[in-house]
């Protein structure tokens, strides 16, 4: 996906915003840690969950970003109708290095059980 200058934040701006959001969330959860699962970091991976079926993970890899998002209410969600599902179209033309990052990092945080298989689902790519 090509970035249109000024339309999307830079990786540095995104990382800064996510870091600030994480700090604010940590302060907010001090009195009640129950919603602490909603935002977390694991190495290069920032994950979020709104508690209503929407979640995502963003992996910061140097000056590149791979992000996957899941919307439980999406018409493309195989969880809704147990459709056959193919993740490959979401990653068409992704550079090999970023596909490796997506496969070994980002997608590992978006796994669901579908028809007896554990797979990453309903994803979009941010570059």
C-alpha atoms as a PDB file:
ATOM      1  CA  UNK A   1       0.000   0.000   0.000  1.00  0.00           C
ATOM      2  CA  UNK A   2       1.497   3.320  -0.977  1.00  0.00           C
ATOM      3  CA  UNK A   3       1.614   6.024   1.647  1.00  0.00           C
ATOM      4  CA  UNK A   4       0.197   9.371   0.576  1.00  0.00           C
ATOM      5  CA  UNK A   5       2.303  12.063   2.215  1.00  0.00           C
ATOM      6  CA  UNK A   6       0.422  13.755   5.034  1.00  0.00           C
ATOM      7  CA  UNK A   7      -2.464  11.262   5.031  1.00  0.00           C
ATOM      8  CA  UNK A   8      -0.865   8.705   7.345  1.00  0.00           C
ATOM      9  CA  UNK A   9       1.437   9.287  10.306  1.00  0.00           C
ATOM     10  CA  UNK A  10       5.089   8.431   9.955  1.00  0.00           C
ATOM     11  CA  UNK A  11       6.359   5.350  11.780  1.00  0.00           C
ATOM     12  CA  UNK A  12       8.013   7.638  14.359  1.00  0.00           C
ATOM     13  CA  UNK A  13       4.723   9.499  14.931  1.00  0.00           C
ATOM     14  CA  UNK A  14       2.801   6.219  15.224  1.00  0.00           C
ATOM     15  CA  UNK A  15       5.340   4.778  17.682  1.00  0.00           C
ATOM     16  CA  UNK A  16       5.229   7.996  19.740  1.00  0.00           C
ATOM     17  CA  UNK A  17       1.426   8.004  19.826  1.00  0.00           C
ATOM     18  CA  UNK A  18       1.213   4.338  20.776  1.00  0.00           C
ATOM     19  CA  UNK A  19       3.812   4.814  23.514  1.00  0.00           C
ATOM     20  CA  UNK A  20       1.937   7.817  24.941  1.00  0.00           C
ATOM     21  CA  UNK A  21      -1.348   5.900  24.766  1.00  0.00           C
ATOM     22  CA  UNK A  22       0.240   2.955  26.605  1.00  0.00           C
ATOM     23  CA  UNK A  23       1.542   5.208  29.393  1.00  0.00           C
ATOM     24  CA  UNK A  24      -1.841   6.901  29.791  1.00  0.00           C
ATOM     25  CA  UNK A  25      -3.585   3.507  29.837  1.00  0.00           C
ATOM     26  CA  UNK A  26      -1.175   2.182  32.490  1.00  0.00           C
ATOM     27  CA  UNK A  27      -1.910   5.182  34.713  1.00  0.00           C
ATOM     28  CA  UNK A  28      -5.654   4.798  34.135  1.00  0.00           C
ATOM     29  CA  UNK A  29      -5.616   1.110  35.165  1.00  0.00           C
ATOM     30  CA  UNK A  30      -3.728   1.645  38.461  1.00  0.00           C
ATOM     31  CA  UNK A  31      -6.932   1.810  40.574  1.00  0.00           C
ATOM     32  CA  UNK A  32      -8.537  -1.122  38.724  1.00  0.00           C
ATOM     33  CA  UNK A  33      -6.312  -3.524  36.803  1.00  0.00           C
ATOM     34  CA  UNK A  34      -9.222  -5.454  35.203  1.00  0.00           C
ATOM     35  CA  UNK A  35      -9.045  -3.631  31.819  1.00  0.00           C
ATOM     36  CA  UNK A  36      -5.229  -3.832  31.695  1.00  0.00           C
ATOM     37  CA  UNK A  37      -5.426  -6.546  29.007  1.00  0.00           C
ATOM     38  CA  UNK A  38      -6.746  -3.984  26.544  1.00  0.00           C
ATOM     39  CA  UNK A  39      -3.279  -2.678  25.655  1.00  0.00           C
ATOM     40  CA  UNK A  40       0.039  -4.457  25.947  1.00  0.00           C
ATOM     41  CA  UNK A  41       3.573  -4.610  24.586  1.00  0.00           C
ATOM     42  CA  UNK A  42       5.590  -7.736  23.895  1.00  0.00           C
ATOM     43  CA  UNK A  43       8.968  -6.842  22.414  1.00  0.00           C
ATOM     44  CA  UNK A  44       8.296  -4.999  19.147  1.00  0.00           C
ATOM     45  CA  UNK A  45       4.575  -5.809  19.233  1.00  0.00           C
ATOM     46  CA  UNK A  46       1.838  -3.516  20.495  1.00  0.00           C
ATOM     47  CA  UNK A  47      -1.525  -5.259  20.911  1.00  0.00           C
ATOM     48  CA  UNK A  48      -4.912  -3.820  21.710  1.00  0.00           C
ATOM     49  CA  UNK A  49      -8.386  -5.182  22.379  1.00  0.00           C
ATOM     50  CA  UNK A  50     -11.551  -3.165  22.920  1.00  0.00           C
ATOM     51  CA  UNK A  51     -13.307  -6.004  24.772  1.00  0.00           C
ATOM     52  CA  UNK A  52     -16.093  -6.069  22.163  1.00  0.00           C
ATOM     53  CA  UNK A  53     -14.503  -8.307  19.539  1.00  0.00           C
ATOM     54  CA  UNK A  54     -12.166  -5.806  17.900  1.00  0.00           C
ATOM     55  CA  UNK A  55      -8.442  -6.221  18.302  1.00  0.00           C
ATOM     56  CA  UNK A  56      -5.164  -5.755  16.554  1.00  0.00           C
ATOM     57  CA  UNK A  57      -1.395  -5.933  16.717  1.00  0.00           C
ATOM     58  CA  UNK A  58       1.171  -3.517  15.333  1.00  0.00           C
ATOM     59  CA  UNK A  59       4.781  -4.636  14.977  1.00  0.00           C
ATOM     60  CA  UNK A  60       7.408  -1.918  14.790  1.00  0.00           C
ATOM     61  CA  UNK A  61      10.329  -3.167  12.703  1.00  0.00           C
ATOM     62  CA  UNK A  62      12.827  -0.340  12.373  1.00  0.00           C
ATOM     63  CA  UNK A  63      11.334   2.214   9.994  1.00  0.00           C
ATOM     64  CA  UNK A  64       8.569  -0.176   8.835  1.00  0.00           C
ATOM     65  CA  UNK A  65       5.329  -1.265  10.443  1.00  0.00           C
ATOM     66  CA  UNK A  66       3.176  -4.342  10.004  1.00  0.00           C
ATOM     67  CA  UNK A  67      -0.317  -4.165  11.449  1.00  0.00           C
ATOM     68  CA  UNK A  68      -3.150  -6.662  11.551  1.00  0.00           C
ATOM     69  CA  UNK A  69      -6.662  -5.792  12.648  1.00  0.00           C
ATOM     70  CA  UNK A  70      -9.673  -7.939  13.475  1.00  0.00           C
ATOM     71  CA  UNK A  71     -13.269  -6.735  13.562  1.00  0.00           C
ATOM     72  CA  UNK A  72     -15.663  -9.339  14.924  1.00  0.00           C
ATOM     73  CA  UNK A  73     -18.598  -7.685  13.116  1.00  0.00           C
ATOM     74  CA  UNK A  74     -16.883  -7.561   9.718  1.00  0.00           C
ATOM     75  CA  UNK A  75     -18.819  -9.208   6.912  1.00  0.00           C
ATOM     76  CA  UNK A  76     -15.502 -10.850   5.945  1.00  0.00           C
ATOM     77  CA  UNK A  77     -15.054 -12.495   9.341  1.00  0.00           C
ATOM     78  CA  UNK A  78     -15.097 -16.282   8.994  1.00  0.00           C
ATOM     79  CA  UNK A  79     -16.223 -16.497  12.610  1.00  0.00           C
ATOM     80  CA  UNK A  80     -19.639 -15.216  11.551  1.00  0.00           C
ATOM     81  CA  UNK A  81     -20.565 -17.864   8.984  1.00  0.00           C
ATOM     82  CA  UNK A  82     -17.688 -20.356   9.174  1.00  0.00           C
ATOM     83  CA  UNK A  83     -16.729 -19.502   5.601  1.00  0.00           C
ATOM     84  CA  UNK A  84     -13.641 -20.933   4.008  1.00  0.00           C
ATOM     85  CA  UNK A  85     -10.920 -18.409   4.638  1.00  0.00           C
ATOM     86  CA  UNK A  86      -7.757 -17.445   2.809  1.00  0.00           C
ATOM     87  CA  UNK A  87      -5.470 -14.847   4.352  1.00  0.00           C
ATOM     88  CA  UNK A  88      -3.186 -14.585   1.302  1.00  0.00           C
ATOM     89  CA  UNK A  89      -5.160 -11.857  -0.555  1.00  0.00           C
ATOM     90  CA  UNK A  90      -4.541  -9.494   2.365  1.00  0.00           C
ATOM     91  CA  UNK A  91      -0.802  -9.813   1.856  1.00  0.00           C
ATOM     92  CA  UNK A  92      -0.526  -9.501  -1.932  1.00  0.00           C
ATOM     93  CA  UNK A  93       2.680  -7.752  -2.999  1.00  0.00           C
ATOM     94  CA  UNK A  94       3.999  -7.410   0.540  1.00  0.00           C
ATOM     95  CA  UNK A  95       7.809  -7.228   0.532  1.00  0.00           C
ATOM     96  CA  UNK A  96       9.391 -10.525   1.590  1.00  0.00           C
ATOM     97  CA  UNK A  97      11.014  -8.996   4.693  1.00  0.00           C
ATOM     98  CA  UNK A  98       7.667  -7.635   5.930  1.00  0.00           C
ATOM     99  CA  UNK A  99       5.913 -10.919   5.188  1.00  0.00           C
ATOM    100  CA  UNK A 100       8.485 -12.618   7.427  1.00  0.00           C
ATOM    101  CA  UNK A 101       7.768 -10.050  10.181  1.00  0.00           C
ATOM    102  CA  UNK A 102       4.009 -10.535   9.755  1.00  0.00           C
ATOM    103  CA  UNK A 103       4.288 -14.319   9.789  1.00  0.00           C
ATOM    104  CA  UNK A 104       6.710 -14.659  12.720  1.00  0.00           C
ATOM    105  CA  UNK A 105       5.559 -11.738  14.868  1.00  0.00           C
ATOM    106  CA  UNK A 106       2.361  -9.834  14.110  1.00  0.00           C
ATOM    107  CA  UNK A 107       0.043 -12.673  13.070  1.00  0.00           C
ATOM    108  CA  UNK A 108       1.014 -14.735  16.103  1.00  0.00           C
ATOM    109  CA  UNK A 109      -1.058 -12.323  18.223  1.00  0.00           C
ATOM    110  CA  UNK A 110      -4.211 -12.729  16.115  1.00  0.00           C
ATOM    111  CA  UNK A 111      -4.852 -16.468  16.217  1.00  0.00           C
ATOM    112  CA  UNK A 112      -8.340 -17.947  16.314  1.00  0.00           C
ATOM    113  CA  UNK A 113      -9.771 -21.448  16.195  1.00  0.00           C
ATOM    114  CA  UNK A 114     -11.787 -22.074  13.039  1.00  0.00           C
ATOM    115  CA  UNK A 115     -13.023 -25.462  11.908  1.00  0.00           C
ATOM    116  CA  UNK A 116     -10.495 -27.249  14.114  1.00  0.00           C
ATOM    117  CA  UNK A 117      -7.525 -25.198  12.878  1.00  0.00           C
ATOM    118  CA  UNK A 118      -5.720 -22.333  14.592  1.00  0.00           C
ATOM    119  CA  UNK A 119      -5.246 -19.539  12.048  1.00  0.00           C
ATOM    120  CA  UNK A 120      -4.716 -15.759  11.901  1.00  0.00           C
ATOM    121  CA  UNK A 121      -7.858 -14.139  10.513  1.00  0.00           C
ATOM    122  CA  UNK A 122      -9.526 -11.024   9.064  1.00  0.00           C
ATOM    123  CA  UNK A 123      -6.350  -9.029   8.702  1.00  0.00           C
ATOM    124  CA  UNK A 124      -5.268  -5.893   6.911  1.00  0.00           C
ATOM    125  CA  UNK A 125      -1.719  -4.757   6.247  1.00  0.00           C
ATOM    126  CA  UNK A 126      -0.219  -1.365   7.056  1.00  0.00           C
ATOM    127  CA  UNK A 127       3.134  -0.472   5.495  1.00  0.00           C
END
